[in-house]
Amino acid sequence: MINRRLALLSGIGSTVIATGLAGCAGPNITDYANEKPLLNLKTYFNGMVDAWGIFTDRDGKVVKRFTVEMKCQWQDGKGILDEDFLYSDGTKEKRVWQLTDLGQGQFEGTAGDVVGKALGQTKGNAFNWQYTLALPVNGTVLNVQMDDWMYLMNERVMLNKARMTKLGIHLGDVTLSFNRRI
């Protein structure tokens, strides 16, 4: 009888732990496979795109606000996203993404401040990619991991949320609203 109770309690404990761990898992790109409108990166990021964003720390406090003007073009499965950032403190930054369409909704990208390659995939209305960003902070450069999610709302508007971590520790989030010029 005692062994059966221990087995039952052990089973309940394992279920609670497994449920807790599953709760820590983030979304999966396949969760969005049936969502509309369908996101085509080569169509959306082609021409001029404007964006407004914020960086929040791990407590949700807005640390920086910024705008981005993007000049985007695609040719033969290769895309260039030329981004000009203007921060609320007056500082400017430039990032030029070079994207490659790998087929079947998969993409890879590089940029001057990205360590290695960004890898991502589209499904339905969503795009998710992960990469390591070399982020200058107080005179030093930190390599931080980005888990970047974009959701197409309509032909002009896309929302973006990226989670930033270092050694598994949540540092903050970047939130943007893109508006494609038509």
C-alpha atoms as a PDB file:
ATOM      1  CA  MET A   1       0.000   0.000   0.000  1.00  0.00           C
ATOM      2  CA  ILE A   2       2.779   2.425   0.896  1.00  0.00           C
ATOM      3  CA  ASN A   3       4.654   1.591  -2.311  1.00  0.00           C
ATOM      4  CA  ARG A   4       1.516   2.296  -4.371  1.00  0.00           C
ATOM      5  CA  ARG A   5       1.069   5.703  -2.645  1.00  0.00           C
ATOM      6  CA  LEU A   6       4.716   6.579  -3.252  1.00  0.00           C
ATOM      7  CA  ALA A   7       4.360   5.552  -6.885  1.00  0.00           C
ATOM      8  CA  LEU A   8       1.209   7.682  -7.200  1.00  0.00           C
ATOM      9  CA  LEU A   9       2.851  10.696  -5.541  1.00  0.00           C
ATOM     10  CA  SER A  10       5.956  10.206  -7.657  1.00  0.00           C
ATOM     11  CA  GLY A  11       3.786  10.135 -10.784  1.00  0.00           C
ATOM     12  CA  ILE A  12       1.956  13.310  -9.728  1.00  0.00           C
ATOM     13  CA  GLY A  13       5.282  15.014  -8.953  1.00  0.00           C
ATOM     14  CA  SER A  14       6.677  14.035 -12.350  1.00  0.00           C
ATOM     15  CA  THR A  15       3.533  15.356 -14.037  1.00  0.00           C
ATOM     16  CA  VAL A  16       3.787  18.677 -12.176  1.00  0.00           C
ATOM     17  CA  ILE A  17       7.476  19.015 -13.072  1.00  0.00           C
ATOM     18  CA  ALA A  18       6.847  18.103 -16.727  1.00  0.00           C
ATOM     19  CA  THR A  19       3.938  20.556 -16.919  1.00  0.00           C
ATOM     20  CA  GLY A  20       6.082  23.269 -15.332  1.00  0.00           C
ATOM     21  CA  LEU A  21       8.881  22.659 -17.794  1.00  0.00           C
ATOM     22  CA  ALA A  22       6.481  22.629 -20.735  1.00  0.00           C
ATOM     23  CA  GLY A  23       5.171  25.982 -19.495  1.00  0.00           C
ATOM     24  CA  CYS A  24       8.693  27.393 -19.865  1.00  0.00           C
ATOM     25  CA  ALA A  25       8.865  26.385 -23.517  1.00  0.00           C
ATOM     26  CA  GLY A  26       8.132  29.163 -25.984  1.00  0.00           C
ATOM     27  CA  PRO A  27       5.930  29.064 -29.038  1.00  0.00           C
ATOM     28  CA  ASN A  28       6.827  26.918 -32.015  1.00  0.00           C
ATOM     29  CA  ILE A  29       6.675  28.270 -35.579  1.00  0.00           C
ATOM     30  CA  THR A  30       4.280  25.449 -36.535  1.00  0.00           C
ATOM     31  CA  ASP A  31       1.753  26.951 -34.071  1.00  0.00           C
ATOM     32  CA  TYR A  32       1.114  29.637 -36.723  1.00  0.00           C
ATOM     33  CA  ALA A  33       0.939  27.458 -39.850  1.00  0.00           C
ATOM     34  CA  ASN A  34      -2.783  28.130 -40.406  1.00  0.00           C
ATOM     35  CA  GLU A  35      -2.768  31.827 -39.513  1.00  0.00           C
ATOM     36  CA  LYS A  36      -3.618  34.417 -42.156  1.00  0.00           C
ATOM     37  CA  PRO A  37      -2.609  36.546 -43.918  1.00  0.00           C
ATOM     38  CA  LEU A  38       0.309  34.462 -45.183  1.00  0.00           C
ATOM     39  CA  LEU A  39       3.670  36.138 -44.663  1.00  0.00           C
ATOM     40  CA  ASN A  40       5.958  36.271 -47.683  1.00  0.00           C
ATOM     41  CA  LEU A  41       9.198  37.933 -46.525  1.00  0.00           C
ATOM     42  CA  LYS A  42      10.254  38.704 -50.090  1.00  0.00           C
ATOM     43  CA  THR A  43       7.013  40.590 -50.710  1.00  0.00           C
ATOM     44  CA  TYR A  44       6.750  42.375 -47.362  1.00  0.00           C
ATOM     45  CA  PHE A  45      10.404  43.428 -47.164  1.00  0.00           C
ATOM     46  CA  ASN A  46      10.546  44.823 -50.697  1.00  0.00           C
ATOM     47  CA  GLY A  47      10.536  48.610 -50.997  1.00  0.00           C
ATOM     48  CA  MET A  48      10.387  51.052 -48.094  1.00  0.00           C
ATOM     49  CA  VAL A  49       9.372  49.977 -44.594  1.00  0.00           C
ATOM     50  CA  ASP A  50       9.157  52.214 -41.519  1.00  0.00           C
ATOM     51  CA  ALA A  51       9.265  50.950 -37.939  1.00  0.00           C
ATOM     52  CA  TRP A  52       8.783  52.303 -34.429  1.00  0.00           C
ATOM     53  CA  GLY A  53      10.176  50.438 -31.467  1.00  0.00           C
ATOM     54  CA  ILE A  54      11.164  50.242 -27.832  1.00  0.00           C
ATOM     55  CA  PHE A  55      13.697  48.300 -25.812  1.00  0.00           C
ATOM     56  CA  THR A  56      12.458  47.265 -22.366  1.00  0.00           C
ATOM     57  CA  ASP A  57      14.603  45.841 -19.594  1.00  0.00           C
ATOM     58  CA  ARG A  58      13.725  42.575 -17.820  1.00  0.00           C
ATOM     59  CA  ASP A  59      11.348  44.485 -15.526  1.00  0.00           C
ATOM     60  CA  GLY A  60       9.433  45.954 -18.485  1.00  0.00           C
ATOM     61  CA  LYS A  61      10.789  49.506 -18.105  1.00  0.00           C
ATOM     62  CA  VAL A  62      11.314  51.322 -21.421  1.00  0.00           C
ATOM     63  CA  VAL A  63      15.052  51.967 -21.715  1.00  0.00           C
ATOM     64  CA  LYS A  64      15.200  53.212 -25.336  1.00  0.00           C
ATOM     65  CA  ARG A  65      12.773  54.327 -28.016  1.00  0.00           C
ATOM     66  CA  PHE A  66      13.692  54.362 -31.690  1.00  0.00           C
ATOM     67  CA  THR A  67      12.526  54.629 -35.279  1.00  0.00           C
ATOM     68  CA  VAL A  68      13.841  52.695 -38.262  1.00  0.00           C
ATOM     69  CA  GLU A  69      13.730  53.471 -41.967  1.00  0.00           C
ATOM     70  CA  MET A  70      14.346  50.384 -44.101  1.00  0.00           C
ATOM     71  CA  LYS A  71      15.239  50.182 -47.766  1.00  0.00           C
ATOM     72  CA  CYS A  72      14.538  46.605 -48.851  1.00  0.00           C
ATOM     73  CA  GLN A  73      15.098  44.720 -52.095  1.00  0.00           C
ATOM     74  CA  TRP A  74      15.215  41.130 -53.351  1.00  0.00           C
ATOM     75  CA  GLN A  75      16.844  39.613 -56.389  1.00  0.00           C
ATOM     76  CA  ASP A  76      17.359  35.922 -57.206  1.00  0.00           C
ATOM     77  CA  GLY A  77      16.495  34.717 -53.697  1.00  0.00           C
ATOM     78  CA  LYS A  78      18.842  37.247 -52.020  1.00  0.00           C
ATOM     79  CA  GLY A  79      17.518  40.139 -49.991  1.00  0.00           C
ATOM     80  CA  ILE A  80      19.056  43.298 -48.584  1.00  0.00           C
ATOM     81  CA  LEU A  81      17.404  45.095 -45.669  1.00  0.00           C
ATOM     82  CA  ASP A  82      19.231  48.401 -45.220  1.00  0.00           C
ATOM     83  CA  GLU A  83      18.142  49.760 -41.812  1.00  0.00           C
ATOM     84  CA  ASP A  84      18.755  53.270 -40.450  1.00  0.00           C
ATOM     85  CA  PHE A  85      17.980  53.596 -36.716  1.00  0.00           C
ATOM     86  CA  LEU A  86      17.354  56.889 -34.905  1.00  0.00           C
ATOM     87  CA  TYR A  87      17.196  56.605 -31.109  1.00  0.00           C
ATOM     88  CA  SER A  88      15.323  58.947 -28.752  1.00  0.00           C
ATOM     89  CA  ASP A  89      18.659  60.215 -27.372  1.00  0.00           C
ATOM     90  CA  GLY A  90      19.669  61.365 -30.890  1.00  0.00           C
ATOM     91  CA  THR A  91      22.147  58.561 -31.612  1.00  0.00           C
ATOM     92  CA  LYS A  92      22.059  56.811 -34.966  1.00  0.00           C
ATOM     93  CA  GLU A  93      22.897  53.284 -36.034  1.00  0.00           C
ATOM     94  CA  LYS A  94      22.961  51.364 -39.306  1.00  0.00           C
ATOM     95  CA  ARG A  95      22.437  47.654 -39.874  1.00  0.00           C
ATOM     96  CA  VAL A  96      22.419  45.985 -43.272  1.00  0.00           C
ATOM     97  CA  TRP A  97      20.928  42.511 -43.330  1.00  0.00           C
ATOM     98  CA  GLN A  98      21.798  40.186 -46.185  1.00  0.00           C
ATOM     99  CA  LEU A  99      19.171  37.462 -46.381  1.00  0.00           C
ATOM    100  CA  THR A 100      19.117  34.241 -48.372  1.00  0.00           C
ATOM    101  CA  ASP A 101      15.950  32.304 -49.173  1.00  0.00           C
ATOM    102  CA  LEU A 102      16.826  28.638 -48.513  1.00  0.00           C
ATOM    103  CA  GLY A 103      13.426  27.406 -49.738  1.00  0.00           C
ATOM    104  CA  GLN A 104      10.434  25.928 -47.913  1.00  0.00           C
ATOM    105  CA  GLY A 105      10.063  29.072 -45.785  1.00  0.00           C
ATOM    106  CA  GLN A 106      13.601  28.877 -44.392  1.00  0.00           C
ATOM    107  CA  PHE A 107      15.979  31.848 -44.418  1.00  0.00           C
ATOM    108  CA  GLU A 108      19.445  32.713 -43.225  1.00  0.00           C
ATOM    109  CA  GLY A 109      20.845  36.162 -42.674  1.00  0.00           C
ATOM    110  CA  THR A 110      24.001  38.030 -41.833  1.00  0.00           C
ATOM    111  CA  ALA A 111      24.714  41.582 -40.693  1.00  0.00           C
ATOM    112  CA  GLY A 112      27.790  43.433 -39.453  1.00  0.00           C
ATOM    113  CA  ASP A 113      26.803  43.132 -35.787  1.00  0.00           C
ATOM    114  CA  VAL A 114      25.448  39.578 -35.989  1.00  0.00           C
ATOM    115  CA  VAL A 115      27.839  36.825 -34.872  1.00  0.00           C
ATOM    116  CA  GLY A 116      27.640  33.971 -37.369  1.00  0.00           C
ATOM    117  CA  LYS A 117      24.324  33.499 -39.184  1.00  0.00           C
ATOM    118  CA  ALA A 118      20.742  34.165 -38.226  1.00  0.00           C
ATOM    119  CA  LEU A 119      18.495  31.216 -39.046  1.00  0.00           C
ATOM    120  CA  GLY A 120      14.748  31.477 -39.380  1.00  0.00           C
ATOM    121  CA  GLN A 121      11.538  30.122 -40.827  1.00  0.00           C
ATOM    122  CA  THR A 122       8.111  31.386 -41.874  1.00  0.00           C
ATOM    123  CA  LYS A 123       4.817  29.572 -41.305  1.00  0.00           C
ATOM    124  CA  GLY A 124       1.406  31.143 -41.822  1.00  0.00           C
ATOM    125  CA  ASN A 125       1.582  34.782 -40.730  1.00  0.00           C
ATOM    126  CA  ALA A 126       4.712  34.376 -38.579  1.00  0.00           C
ATOM    127  CA  PHE A 127       8.484  34.489 -38.952  1.00  0.00           C
ATOM    128  CA  ASN A 128      10.859  33.346 -36.210  1.00  0.00           C
ATOM    129  CA  TRP A 129      14.605  33.509 -36.238  1.00  0.00           C
ATOM    130  CA  GLN A 130      17.414  33.217 -33.739  1.00  0.00           C
ATOM    131  CA  TYR A 131      20.796  34.870 -33.825  1.00  0.00           C
ATOM    132  CA  THR A 132      23.611  36.236 -31.690  1.00  0.00           C
ATOM    133  CA  LEU A 133      23.929  40.010 -31.670  1.00  0.00           C
ATOM    134  CA  ALA A 134      27.189  41.801 -30.754  1.00  0.00           C
ATOM    135  CA  LEU A 135      25.717  44.552 -28.567  1.00  0.00           C
ATOM    136  CA  PRO A 136      27.890  47.492 -27.430  1.00  0.00           C
ATOM    137  CA  VAL A 137      27.211  48.271 -23.744  1.00  0.00           C
ATOM    138  CA  ASN A 138      29.217  50.812 -21.712  1.00  0.00           C
ATOM    139  CA  GLY A 139      32.399  50.526 -23.774  1.00  0.00           C
ATOM    140  CA  THR A 140      32.346  46.734 -24.124  1.00  0.00           C
ATOM    141  CA  VAL A 141      30.600  44.342 -26.505  1.00  0.00           C
ATOM    142  CA  LEU A 142      28.266  41.628 -25.222  1.00  0.00           C
ATOM    143  CA  ASN A 143      27.193  38.715 -27.408  1.00  0.00           C
ATOM    144  CA  VAL A 144      23.493  38.313 -26.654  1.00  0.00           C
ATOM    145  CA  GLN A 145      21.061  35.751 -28.025  1.00  0.00           C
ATOM    146  CA  MET A 146      17.960  36.994 -29.821  1.00  0.00           C
ATOM    147  CA  ASP A 147      14.737  35.010 -30.250  1.00  0.00           C
ATOM    148  CA  ASP A 148      12.955  37.205 -32.790  1.00  0.00           C
ATOM    149  CA  TRP A 149       9.263  36.796 -33.730  1.00  0.00           C
ATOM    150  CA  MET A 150       7.374  38.728 -36.426  1.00  0.00           C
ATOM    151  CA  TYR A 151       3.608  38.532 -37.062  1.00  0.00           C
ATOM    152  CA  LEU A 152       1.982  39.883 -40.227  1.00  0.00           C
ATOM    153  CA  MET A 153      -1.253  41.700 -39.354  1.00  0.00           C
ATOM    154  CA  ASN A 154      -2.224  42.882 -42.845  1.00  0.00           C
ATOM    155  CA  GLU A 155      -0.426  43.800 -46.080  1.00  0.00           C
ATOM    156  CA  ARG A 156       1.110  46.894 -44.456  1.00  0.00           C
ATOM    157  CA  VAL A 157       1.508  46.185 -40.709  1.00  0.00           C
ATOM    158  CA  MET A 158       3.749  43.633 -39.023  1.00  0.00           C
ATOM    159  CA  LEU A 159       4.451  43.382 -35.282  1.00  0.00           C
ATOM    160  CA  ASN A 160       7.795  42.189 -33.929  1.00  0.00           C
ATOM    161  CA  LYS A 161       8.910  41.041 -30.490  1.00  0.00           C
ATOM    162  CA  ALA A 162      12.413  39.818 -29.758  1.00  0.00           C
ATOM    163  CA  ARG A 163      13.576  38.325 -26.472  1.00  0.00           C
ATOM    164  CA  MET A 164      17.199  39.043 -25.523  1.00  0.00           C
ATOM    165  CA  THR A 165      19.151  36.666 -23.276  1.00  0.00           C
ATOM    166  CA  LYS A 166      22.739  36.133 -22.156  1.00  0.00           C
ATOM    167  CA  LEU A 167      23.726  32.708 -20.776  1.00  0.00           C
ATOM    168  CA  GLY A 168      20.003  31.908 -20.513  1.00  0.00           C
ATOM    169  CA  ILE A 169      19.257  35.000 -18.411  1.00  0.00           C
ATOM    170  CA  HIS A 170      16.491  37.273 -19.728  1.00  0.00           C
ATOM    171  CA  LEU A 171      17.931  40.768 -20.296  1.00  0.00           C
ATOM    172  CA  GLY A 172      15.018  42.481 -21.997  1.00  0.00           C
ATOM    173  CA  ASP A 173      12.785  42.688 -25.045  1.00  0.00           C
ATOM    174  CA  VAL A 174      12.639  44.642 -28.272  1.00  0.00           C
ATOM    175  CA  THR A 175       9.145  45.464 -29.587  1.00  0.00           C
ATOM    176  CA  LEU A 176       8.522  47.001 -33.022  1.00  0.00           C
ATOM    177  CA  SER A 177       5.677  47.916 -35.303  1.00  0.00           C
ATOM    178  CA  PHE A 178       6.545  47.796 -39.023  1.00  0.00           C
ATOM    179  CA  ASN A 179       4.584  49.757 -41.621  1.00  0.00           C
ATOM    180  CA  ARG A 180       5.208  48.900 -45.266  1.00  0.00           C
ATOM    181  CA  ARG A 181       4.881  51.845 -47.621  1.00  0.00           C
ATOM    182  CA  ILE A 182       2.568  51.044 -50.522  1.00  0.00           C
END
